[in-house]
Amino acid sequence: MEKTWLILIAILIFLINTFIFWRVTRGYAMKETGEKMWNQWTTRTFYWTGALWYSGGATVLVLILLERINVLTF
């Protein structure tokens, strides 16, 4: 049961990190690449690849931090 909660918390943290990254960087990325380039799938693929890497790393850091301050045990 504890593993289920840990996985659910990790998924929730990952989704929150991805949403925050998207909200913060979406406008800048669209402006930087231009409307025509943004509509091509390769530009957005690289954008979302970076977003997922960032969110994955941030999720790991948050989980380690929560484990160190004894909020989570695993």
Protein backbone atom coordinates (compact mmCIF):
# COMPACT_ATOMS: atom_id res chain seq x y z
CA MET A 1 0.00 0.00 0.00
CA GLU A 2 2.85 2.40 0.77
CA LYS A 3 4.38 1.83 -2.66
CA THR A 4 1.09 2.75 -4.30
CA TRP A 5 0.98 6.06 -2.43
CA LEU A 6 4.59 6.77 -3.31
CA ILE A 7 3.94 6.17 -7.00
CA LEU A 8 0.82 8.34 -6.93
CA ILE A 9 2.69 11.16 -5.16
CA ALA A 10 5.55 10.90 -7.68
CA ILE A 11 3.13 11.08 -10.62
CA LEU A 12 1.34 14.06 -9.09
CA ILE A 13 4.62 15.91 -8.50
CA PHE A 14 5.72 15.11 -12.06
CA LEU A 15 2.48 16.47 -13.53
CA ILE A 16 2.66 19.62 -11.42
CA ASN A 17 6.28 20.22 -12.47
CA THR A 18 5.39 19.70 -16.13
CA PHE A 19 2.45 22.10 -15.89
CA ILE A 20 4.56 24.78 -14.20
CA PHE A 21 7.31 24.39 -16.81
CA TRP A 22 4.76 24.66 -19.62
CA ARG A 23 3.10 27.76 -18.12
CA VAL A 24 6.41 29.52 -17.56
CA THR A 25 8.18 28.72 -20.85
CA ARG A 26 5.41 28.34 -23.43
CA GLY A 27 5.19 32.00 -24.41
CA TYR A 28 8.94 32.45 -24.58
CA ALA A 29 9.42 29.33 -26.70
CA MET A 30 6.70 30.34 -29.14
CA LYS A 31 8.09 33.87 -29.43
CA GLU A 32 11.68 32.68 -29.79
CA THR A 33 10.98 30.14 -32.53
CA GLY A 34 8.24 32.03 -34.34
CA GLU A 35 4.72 30.95 -35.17
CA LYS A 36 5.66 29.13 -38.38
CA MET A 37 8.44 27.10 -36.74
CA TRP A 38 6.35 26.40 -33.62
CA ASN A 39 3.69 24.70 -35.75
CA GLN A 40 6.21 22.16 -37.02
CA TRP A 41 6.28 18.95 -35.04
CA THR A 42 10.07 18.85 -34.65
CA THR A 43 10.22 22.12 -32.71
CA ARG A 44 7.51 21.05 -30.32
CA THR A 45 9.06 17.59 -29.96
CA PHE A 46 12.31 19.12 -28.75
CA TYR A 47 10.38 21.48 -26.47
CA TRP A 48 8.42 18.66 -24.86
CA THR A 49 11.51 16.47 -24.59
CA GLY A 50 13.16 19.21 -22.57
CA ALA A 51 10.02 19.70 -20.51
CA LEU A 52 9.85 16.01 -19.62
CA TRP A 53 13.56 15.87 -18.70
CA TYR A 54 13.19 18.94 -16.51
CA SER A 55 10.07 17.57 -14.84
CA GLY A 56 11.67 14.18 -14.25
CA GLY A 57 14.72 15.73 -12.63
CA ALA A 58 12.66 18.10 -10.52
CA THR A 59 10.45 15.20 -9.41
CA VAL A 60 13.48 13.19 -8.28
CA LEU A 61 14.85 16.20 -6.38
CA VAL A 62 11.51 16.84 -4.66
CA LEU A 63 11.14 13.18 -3.68
CA ILE A 64 14.68 13.10 -2.27
CA LEU A 65 13.99 16.31 -0.36
CA LEU A 66 10.74 14.89 1.06
CA GLU A 67 12.57 11.71 2.06
CA ARG A 68 15.39 13.65 3.75
CA ILE A 69 13.01 15.71 5.88
CA ASN A 70 11.12 12.51 6.81
CA VAL A 71 7.84 13.32 5.11
CA LEU A 72 8.08 10.21 2.92
CA THR A 73 9.66 6.91 3.81
CA PHE A 74 10.87 4.54 1.13
